Amino acid sequence: MPPLTPFADLRRQTPDASFLQIGGRQVYCEQRGEGEPVLLLHGFGASTYCWRRVAPRLARRHRVIAFDLHGFGRTERPRDFASYTRPGQAGLVLAVLDALRLERVHLIGHSYGGSISLWLADRHPERLRSLALVDSAAPTYPNDRRTRLAACRPLASLFLHRVALTPWWIRKALEYSVAEPARITPELVAGYLDPLRVEGAEAAFYGLTAPLRTTEGAAVDLRRIELPTLAVWGEADRLVKVEDGRREVAKMPRGHFVELAGIGHLPMEECPEELARILLNFLELQTASGYTS
């Protein structure tokens, strides 16, 4: 197996303007466009790379911000466990908003990023103008994926390096996530794998998958999320079934559901133009309505 990329090397290869200094760490952040701010949150095992075909389209009318969550992409990997919990990731989102001096944003989250988005919408609705969920995981997903086996660091490290961080594993995960596996190319596999193979991957894997040490408080209640909410779902999603998504979104007072025929869990890869069109229409509706509460 090739060695992990030293963060210092990654940092030297990336323009200074692409990083925010938050809590003494470097957080990778991409920005483009002008207008009302839109924040994009990627899914588990992904990075800002997944938005590369959607963000430029949204940026034609909006200021679009995408950054790498703790444990992913070009963001420096923390060593502390708390950074990888739901409150830790949500706290990073709020810190990014503060660093960019953004009081409120339209928030768009995919999969794991959707679960973090729901946490924020429930706990900090005052920071959001609207919410869009793309094949979102349940609010409990960041906790549900934790296992006791991950707490055994030697075994976890072996799995990480021999299995999880290999082209074969990433290809299989991507093929399962789309309706047409033939669209998964070596270039796409590298685009998802390379940002994971970064110094600190062991700490991140442990923080993201080991059992929680403390409770996180009350669960997210979808019924009290009153933000205008759009859910976009692939009809052929095998990871989060469309019927499950529709049922949960129906609990949200202002939830609206759009189903994409013949699309799996990754609309950003399978139909980026259509996804961007749907999101732009939703965002324009919020701007036209002048929603502020």
Protein backbone atom coordinates (compact mmCIF):
# COMPACT_ATOMS: atom_id res chain seq x y z
CA MET A 1 0.00 0.00 0.00
CA PRO A 2 1.30 3.50 -0.79
CA PRO A 3 1.95 5.69 2.28
CA LEU A 4 -0.55 8.30 3.41
CA THR A 5 0.01 11.77 2.02
CA PRO A 6 1.66 13.98 4.67
CA PHE A 7 -0.64 16.90 5.45
CA ALA A 8 2.31 19.30 5.12
CA ASP A 9 2.77 18.18 1.50
CA LEU A 10 -0.93 18.59 0.80
CA ARG A 11 -0.84 22.03 2.36
CA ARG A 12 2.10 23.15 0.20
CA GLN A 13 0.33 21.98 -2.94
CA THR A 14 -2.83 23.97 -2.19
CA PRO A 15 -3.24 27.78 -2.37
CA ASP A 16 -3.32 29.52 1.02
CA ALA A 17 -6.65 31.12 0.15
CA SER A 18 -8.26 27.68 0.13
CA PHE A 19 -7.78 27.19 3.89
CA LEU A 20 -9.51 28.62 6.92
CA GLN A 21 -7.79 28.69 10.30
CA ILE A 22 -10.28 27.23 12.77
CA GLY A 23 -9.40 26.08 16.27
CA GLY A 24 -5.72 25.96 15.42
CA ARG A 25 -6.36 23.64 12.47
CA GLN A 26 -6.53 24.10 8.72
CA VAL A 27 -9.93 23.57 7.11
CA TYR A 28 -10.08 23.27 3.33
CA CYS A 29 -12.80 25.48 1.83
CA GLU A 30 -13.81 26.29 -1.74
CA GLN A 31 -15.76 29.42 -2.64
CA ARG A 32 -17.16 30.68 -5.91
CA GLY A 33 -19.87 33.02 -7.20
CA GLU A 34 -21.83 35.90 -5.68
CA GLY A 35 -25.26 36.31 -4.14
CA GLU A 36 -27.05 34.68 -1.22
CA PRO A 37 -24.68 32.17 0.41
CA VAL A 38 -25.21 28.45 -0.12
CA LEU A 39 -23.21 25.92 1.94
CA LEU A 40 -22.62 22.39 0.65
CA LEU A 41 -21.88 19.43 2.95
CA HIS A 42 -20.50 16.21 1.45
CA GLY A 43 -21.24 12.64 2.48
CA PHE A 44 -19.27 9.97 4.34
CA GLY A 45 -16.12 8.98 2.45
CA ALA A 46 -16.46 11.96 0.14
CA SER A 47 -15.09 15.52 0.03
CA THR A 48 -15.61 18.77 -1.84
CA TYR A 49 -14.69 16.74 -4.93
CA CYS A 50 -18.24 15.35 -5.06
CA TRP A 51 -19.65 18.85 -5.70
CA ARG A 52 -17.30 19.70 -8.60
CA ARG A 53 -20.06 19.43 -11.25
CA VAL A 54 -22.86 21.00 -9.20
CA ALA A 55 -21.18 23.90 -7.38
CA PRO A 56 -20.21 25.85 -10.56
CA ARG A 57 -23.81 25.69 -11.76
CA LEU A 58 -25.17 26.95 -8.44
CA ALA A 59 -22.52 29.68 -8.43
CA ARG A 60 -24.08 31.30 -11.48
CA ARG A 61 -26.65 32.82 -9.11
CA HIS A 62 -25.26 32.31 -5.59
CA ARG A 63 -22.17 32.50 -3.45
CA VAL A 64 -21.34 28.80 -3.04
CA ILE A 65 -19.17 27.46 -0.23
CA ALA A 66 -18.05 23.84 0.09
CA PHE A 67 -15.60 22.58 2.69
CA ASP A 68 -14.21 19.26 3.90
CA LEU A 69 -15.62 17.95 7.17
CA HIS A 70 -13.41 16.50 9.91
CA GLY A 71 -11.76 13.31 8.66
CA PHE A 72 -12.20 13.97 4.94
CA GLY A 73 -10.58 15.72 2.01
CA ARG A 74 -7.89 18.32 2.56
CA THR A 75 -8.99 19.39 6.03
CA GLU A 76 -6.39 18.70 8.71
CA ARG A 77 -7.32 15.59 10.72
CA PRO A 78 -7.90 16.34 14.42
CA ARG A 79 -6.56 13.88 16.99
CA ASP A 80 -9.40 14.36 19.47
CA PHE A 81 -12.40 12.04 19.38
CA ALA A 82 -15.01 14.76 19.96
CA SER A 83 -14.33 16.44 16.60
CA TYR A 84 -15.81 13.43 14.79
CA THR A 85 -19.13 13.29 16.65
CA ARG A 86 -22.33 14.94 15.41
CA PRO A 87 -21.84 17.96 17.71
CA GLY A 88 -18.19 18.13 16.64
CA GLN A 89 -18.98 18.18 12.93
CA ALA A 90 -21.89 20.58 13.44
CA GLY A 91 -19.60 22.81 15.48
CA LEU A 92 -17.17 22.87 12.57
CA VAL A 93 -19.97 24.00 10.25
CA LEU A 94 -20.86 26.86 12.60
CA ALA A 95 -17.18 27.78 12.97
CA VAL A 96 -16.83 27.96 9.18
CA LEU A 97 -19.85 30.29 9.01
CA ASP A 98 -18.32 32.47 11.71
CA ALA A 99 -14.92 32.52 10.00
CA LEU A 100 -16.58 33.66 6.77
CA ARG A 101 -18.77 36.15 8.70
CA LEU A 102 -21.96 34.54 7.44
CA GLU A 103 -24.92 34.94 9.73
CA ARG A 104 -27.24 32.62 7.79
CA VAL A 105 -26.98 30.34 4.76
CA HIS A 106 -28.97 28.00 2.58
CA LEU A 107 -27.68 24.58 3.62
CA ILE A 108 -27.45 21.61 1.23
CA GLY A 109 -26.31 18.26 2.61
CA HIS A 110 -25.76 14.91 0.93
CA SER A 111 -26.01 11.58 2.80
CA TYR A 112 -23.85 11.90 5.97
CA GLY A 113 -23.78 15.64 5.30
CA GLY A 114 -27.57 15.54 5.29
CA SER A 115 -27.62 13.99 8.75
CA ILE A 116 -25.36 16.79 10.02
CA SER A 117 -27.61 19.30 8.25
CA LEU A 118 -30.67 17.94 10.04
CA TRP A 119 -28.85 18.19 13.37
CA LEU A 120 -28.07 21.85 12.63
CA ALA A 121 -31.61 22.59 11.45
CA ASP A 122 -32.95 21.19 14.71
CA ARG A 123 -30.39 22.78 17.03
CA HIS A 124 -29.48 26.03 15.22
CA PRO A 125 -32.28 27.04 12.83
CA GLU A 126 -31.35 30.70 13.34
CA ARG A 127 -28.23 30.12 11.20
CA LEU A 128 -30.15 28.72 8.22
CA ARG A 129 -32.35 30.26 5.53
CA SER A 130 -33.45 26.96 4.05
CA LEU A 131 -32.52 23.29 3.99
CA ALA A 132 -31.97 20.93 1.05
CA LEU A 133 -31.30 17.22 1.53
CA VAL A 134 -29.82 15.05 -1.22
CA ASP A 135 -30.36 11.33 -0.53
CA SER A 136 -29.86 12.18 3.13
CA ALA A 137 -28.91 9.73 5.83
CA ALA A 138 -31.04 9.68 8.97
CA PRO A 139 -30.07 12.07 11.78
CA THR A 140 -28.87 9.04 13.75
CA TYR A 141 -26.59 7.74 10.98
CA PRO A 142 -23.30 9.14 12.38
CA ASN A 143 -24.00 7.13 15.54
CA ASP A 144 -25.58 4.08 13.91
CA ARG A 145 -22.43 3.29 11.92
CA ARG A 146 -20.28 3.04 15.07
CA THR A 147 -19.18 -0.46 16.16
CA ARG A 148 -17.31 -2.02 19.05
CA LEU A 149 -14.85 -3.61 16.62
CA ALA A 150 -13.67 -0.15 15.58
CA ALA A 151 -12.57 0.47 19.17
CA CYS A 152 -9.81 -2.15 18.68
CA ARG A 153 -7.23 0.08 17.07
CA PRO A 154 -4.95 -2.65 15.65
CA LEU A 155 -7.88 -4.32 13.86
CA ALA A 156 -9.29 -0.97 12.75
CA SER A 157 -5.92 0.07 11.34
CA LEU A 158 -5.56 -3.22 9.48
CA PHE A 159 -9.03 -2.86 7.94
CA LEU A 160 -8.41 0.77 7.05
CA HIS A 161 -5.15 0.22 5.18
CA ARG A 162 -5.79 -3.23 3.71
CA VAL A 163 -9.42 -2.77 2.75
CA ALA A 164 -11.12 0.63 3.17
CA LEU A 165 -8.36 2.74 1.59
CA THR A 166 -7.93 0.61 -1.51
CA PRO A 167 -9.13 1.27 -5.06
CA TRP A 168 -11.05 -2.03 -5.00
CA TRP A 169 -13.10 -1.06 -1.93
CA ILE A 170 -13.82 2.47 -3.15
CA ARG A 171 -14.84 1.18 -6.57
CA LYS A 172 -17.24 -1.33 -5.00
CA ALA A 173 -18.73 1.36 -2.75
CA LEU A 174 -19.22 3.72 -5.69
CA GLU A 175 -20.70 1.01 -7.90
CA TYR A 176 -23.23 0.17 -5.19
CA SER A 177 -24.09 3.87 -4.88
CA VAL A 178 -25.11 4.45 -8.49
CA ALA A 179 -27.83 2.99 -10.69
CA GLU A 180 -25.39 2.24 -13.54
CA PRO A 181 -22.07 0.86 -12.22
CA ALA A 182 -20.48 1.24 -15.66
CA ARG A 183 -20.18 4.99 -15.05
CA ILE A 184 -17.55 4.37 -12.33
CA THR A 185 -14.17 5.05 -13.94
CA PRO A 186 -10.63 4.76 -12.52
CA GLU A 187 -10.49 8.57 -12.50
CA LEU A 188 -13.64 8.76 -10.38
CA VAL A 189 -12.29 6.15 -7.96
CA ALA A 190 -9.09 8.17 -7.57
CA GLY A 191 -11.11 11.34 -7.07
CA TYR A 192 -12.80 9.82 -4.01
CA LEU A 193 -9.88 7.75 -2.71
CA ASP A 194 -6.98 10.22 -2.85
CA PRO A 195 -8.58 12.77 -0.46
CA LEU A 196 -9.03 9.97 2.09
CA ARG A 197 -5.42 8.80 1.99
CA VAL A 198 -4.12 11.68 4.09
CA GLU A 199 -2.03 11.75 7.27
CA GLY A 200 -4.27 11.31 10.30
CA ALA A 201 -6.58 8.82 8.58
CA GLU A 202 -6.27 6.40 11.51
CA ALA A 203 -7.42 8.97 14.06
CA ALA A 204 -10.26 9.99 11.76
CA PHE A 205 -11.41 6.41 11.20
CA TYR A 206 -11.40 5.75 14.93
CA GLY A 207 -13.23 9.00 15.68
CA LEU A 208 -15.88 8.34 13.04
CA THR A 209 -16.55 4.66 13.75
CA ALA A 210 -15.68 3.82 17.38
CA PRO A 211 -18.47 3.78 20.01
CA LEU A 212 -19.41 7.08 21.61
CA ARG A 213 -17.93 7.78 25.01
CA THR A 214 -20.81 9.98 26.18
CA THR A 215 -24.41 10.58 25.20
CA GLU A 216 -25.25 13.49 22.89
CA GLY A 217 -28.55 14.55 24.40
CA ALA A 218 -31.99 14.52 22.83
CA ALA A 219 -32.60 13.09 19.37
CA VAL A 220 -33.41 15.21 16.34
CA ASP A 221 -37.16 15.75 16.00
CA LEU A 222 -38.03 16.26 12.34
CA ARG A 223 -41.47 17.61 13.27
CA ARG A 224 -39.97 20.73 14.82
CA ILE A 225 -37.80 21.64 11.82
CA GLU A 226 -39.87 24.44 10.31
CA LEU A 227 -37.39 25.65 7.71
CA PRO A 228 -38.39 25.43 4.04
CA THR A 229 -36.99 22.01 3.15
CA LEU A 230 -36.39 20.28 -0.16
CA ALA A 231 -35.47 16.59 -0.35
CA VAL A 232 -34.08 15.25 -3.64
CA TRP A 233 -33.86 11.46 -3.83
CA GLY A 234 -32.67 8.90 -6.33
CA GLU A 235 -35.45 6.40 -7.02
CA ALA A 236 -32.83 3.63 -7.32
CA ASP A 237 -30.92 4.52 -4.14
CA ARG A 238 -29.93 1.24 -2.47
CA LEU A 239 -28.26 2.86 0.55
CA VAL A 240 -31.20 5.00 1.69
CA LYS A 241 -34.43 3.77 0.16
CA VAL A 242 -36.61 6.39 -1.49
CA GLU A 243 -39.69 5.24 0.44
CA ASP A 244 -37.82 5.73 3.71
CA GLY A 245 -36.77 9.22 2.69
CA ARG A 246 -40.28 10.17 1.61
CA ARG A 247 -41.75 8.91 4.89
CA GLU A 248 -39.32 10.87 7.03
CA VAL A 249 -39.53 14.09 5.03
CA ALA A 250 -43.33 13.94 5.35
CA LYS A 251 -42.84 14.58 9.07
CA MET A 252 -41.30 17.99 8.37
CA PRO A 253 -43.84 20.84 8.37
CA ARG A 254 -42.41 22.50 5.24
CA GLY A 255 -40.85 19.49 3.55
CA HIS A 256 -41.09 18.97 -0.22
CA PHE A 257 -39.94 15.75 -1.91
CA VAL A 258 -38.56 15.28 -5.44
CA GLU A 259 -37.81 11.81 -6.82
CA LEU A 260 -35.22 11.25 -9.56
CA ALA A 261 -36.13 8.31 -11.79
CA GLY A 262 -33.33 5.86 -12.55
CA ILE A 263 -30.85 7.57 -10.21
CA GLY A 264 -29.02 6.06 -7.24
CA HIS A 265 -27.40 7.54 -4.13
CA LEU A 266 -25.10 9.95 -6.01
CA PRO A 267 -27.13 12.41 -8.08
CA MET A 268 -24.08 14.73 -8.11
CA GLU A 269 -22.32 12.11 -10.26
CA GLU A 270 -25.31 10.66 -12.10
CA CYS A 271 -27.31 13.77 -13.07
CA PRO A 272 -25.48 16.93 -11.93
CA GLU A 273 -27.29 19.21 -14.38
CA GLU A 274 -30.73 18.05 -13.25
CA LEU A 275 -29.78 18.20 -9.59
CA ALA A 276 -28.42 21.74 -9.96
CA ARG A 277 -31.59 22.82 -11.81
CA ILE A 278 -33.84 21.49 -9.04
CA LEU A 279 -31.73 23.07 -6.32
CA LEU A 280 -31.60 26.42 -8.12
CA ASN A 281 -35.37 26.47 -8.54
CA PHE A 282 -35.78 25.81 -4.82
CA LEU A 283 -33.24 28.48 -3.87
CA GLU A 284 -34.85 31.03 -6.17
CA LEU A 285 -38.23 30.31 -4.61
CA GLN A 286 -36.82 31.08 -1.16
CA THR A 287 -35.31 34.33 -2.42
CA ALA A 288 -38.55 35.36 -4.09
CA SER A 289 -40.60 34.58 -0.99
CA GLY A 290 -38.28 36.62 1.20
CA TYR A 291 -38.36 33.93 3.90
CA THR A 292 -36.49 35.25 6.96
CA SER A 293 -37.84 33.47 10.05
